[in-house]
């Protein structure tokens, strides 16, 4: 089970689990944004991409869901 799925499954029944899962998800998101920004800096990724958007798409892809 992934962090986002764990957060959703925990919902109100397990607030500590939900908080931990959300923290992990935030770390993952921050890491992906950092990697994308480094790629832009080194010219490995186009400079006109939105790292926040792409982080969302990557995480959603890992989670198996993406809704525009």
C-alpha atoms as a PDB file:
ATOM      1  CA  UNK A   1       0.000   0.000   0.000  1.00  0.00           C
ATOM      2  CA  UNK A   2       1.377   3.393  -0.912  1.00  0.00           C
ATOM      3  CA  UNK A   3       1.520   6.473   1.305  1.00  0.00           C
ATOM      4  CA  UNK A   4      -1.414   8.203  -0.392  1.00  0.00           C
ATOM      5  CA  UNK A   5      -3.521   5.065  -0.364  1.00  0.00           C
ATOM      6  CA  UNK A   6      -2.655   4.519   3.299  1.00  0.00           C
ATOM      7  CA  UNK A   7      -3.696   8.093   4.085  1.00  0.00           C
ATOM      8  CA  UNK A   8      -7.011   7.590   2.332  1.00  0.00           C
ATOM      9  CA  UNK A   9      -7.616   4.196   3.934  1.00  0.00           C
ATOM     10  CA  UNK A  10      -6.715   5.510   7.400  1.00  0.00           C
ATOM     11  CA  UNK A  11      -9.145   8.418   7.022  1.00  0.00           C
ATOM     12  CA  UNK A  12     -10.597   9.320  10.433  1.00  0.00           C
ATOM     13  CA  UNK A  13     -10.210   5.844  11.922  1.00  0.00           C
ATOM     14  CA  UNK A  14      -6.418   6.056  12.364  1.00  0.00           C
ATOM     15  CA  UNK A  15      -5.305   9.690  12.590  1.00  0.00           C
ATOM     16  CA  UNK A  16      -1.682   8.814  13.488  1.00  0.00           C
ATOM     17  CA  UNK A  17      -1.363   6.534  10.451  1.00  0.00           C
ATOM     18  CA  UNK A  18      -2.952   9.189   8.254  1.00  0.00           C
ATOM     19  CA  UNK A  19      -0.508  11.843   9.504  1.00  0.00           C
ATOM     20  CA  UNK A  20       2.503   9.576   8.943  1.00  0.00           C
ATOM     21  CA  UNK A  21       1.330   8.643   5.448  1.00  0.00           C
ATOM     22  CA  UNK A  22       0.788  12.305   4.541  1.00  0.00           C
ATOM     23  CA  UNK A  23       4.256  13.185   5.838  1.00  0.00           C
ATOM     24  CA  UNK A  24       5.771  10.441   3.671  1.00  0.00           C
ATOM     25  CA  UNK A  25       3.812  11.665   0.691  1.00  0.00           C
ATOM     26  CA  UNK A  26       5.094  15.204   1.254  1.00  0.00           C
ATOM     27  CA  UNK A  27       8.683  13.925   1.424  1.00  0.00           C
ATOM     28  CA  UNK A  28       8.160  11.989  -1.814  1.00  0.00           C
ATOM     29  CA  UNK A  29       6.648  15.030  -3.527  1.00  0.00           C
ATOM     30  CA  UNK A  30       9.475  17.282  -2.342  1.00  0.00           C
ATOM     31  CA  UNK A  31      12.053  14.767  -3.550  1.00  0.00           C
ATOM     32  CA  UNK A  32      10.477  14.521  -6.997  1.00  0.00           C
ATOM     33  CA  UNK A  33      10.294  18.310  -7.297  1.00  0.00           C
ATOM     34  CA  UNK A  34      13.955  18.569  -6.262  1.00  0.00           C
ATOM     35  CA  UNK A  35      15.008  15.966  -8.841  1.00  0.00           C
ATOM     36  CA  UNK A  36      13.049  17.748 -11.570  1.00  0.00           C
ATOM     37  CA  UNK A  37      14.574  21.100 -10.614  1.00  0.00           C
ATOM     38  CA  UNK A  38      18.082  19.610 -10.715  1.00  0.00           C
ATOM     39  CA  UNK A  39      17.327  18.131 -14.130  1.00  0.00           C
ATOM     40  CA  UNK A  40      16.217  21.563 -15.344  1.00  0.00           C
ATOM     41  CA  UNK A  41      19.332  23.179 -13.857  1.00  0.00           C
ATOM     42  CA  UNK A  42      21.641  20.718 -15.634  1.00  0.00           C
ATOM     43  CA  UNK A  43      19.774  20.914 -18.924  1.00  0.00           C
ATOM     44  CA  UNK A  44      18.522  17.338 -18.749  1.00  0.00           C
ATOM     45  CA  UNK A  45      14.882  18.410 -18.557  1.00  0.00           C
ATOM     46  CA  UNK A  46      13.189  21.220 -20.484  1.00  0.00           C
ATOM     47  CA  UNK A  47      13.197  24.472 -18.560  1.00  0.00           C
ATOM     48  CA  UNK A  48       9.552  25.250 -19.314  1.00  0.00           C
ATOM     49  CA  UNK A  49       8.041  22.354 -17.364  1.00  0.00           C
ATOM     50  CA  UNK A  50       6.176  22.891 -14.093  1.00  0.00           C
ATOM     51  CA  UNK A  51       7.910  20.692 -11.470  1.00  0.00           C
ATOM     52  CA  UNK A  52       4.857  20.861  -9.163  1.00  0.00           C
ATOM     53  CA  UNK A  53       2.549  19.604 -11.903  1.00  0.00           C
ATOM     54  CA  UNK A  54       4.928  16.865 -12.974  1.00  0.00           C
ATOM     55  CA  UNK A  55       5.424  15.756  -9.362  1.00  0.00           C
ATOM     56  CA  UNK A  56       1.657  15.408  -9.088  1.00  0.00           C
ATOM     57  CA  UNK A  57       1.477  13.408 -12.326  1.00  0.00           C
ATOM     58  CA  UNK A  58       4.330  11.121 -11.264  1.00  0.00           C
ATOM     59  CA  UNK A  59       2.796  10.432  -7.857  1.00  0.00           C
ATOM     60  CA  UNK A  60      -0.640   9.928  -9.384  1.00  0.00           C
ATOM     61  CA  UNK A  61       0.871   7.483 -11.877  1.00  0.00           C
ATOM     62  CA  UNK A  62       2.476   5.558  -9.036  1.00  0.00           C
ATOM     63  CA  UNK A  63      -0.846   5.562  -7.231  1.00  0.00           C
ATOM     64  CA  UNK A  64      -2.709   4.432 -10.325  1.00  0.00           C
ATOM     65  CA  UNK A  65      -4.973   7.447 -10.581  1.00  0.00           C
ATOM     66  CA  UNK A  66      -4.883  10.807 -12.309  1.00  0.00           C
ATOM     67  CA  UNK A  67      -7.817  13.134 -12.849  1.00  0.00           C
ATOM     68  CA  UNK A  68      -7.367  16.447 -14.714  1.00  0.00           C
END
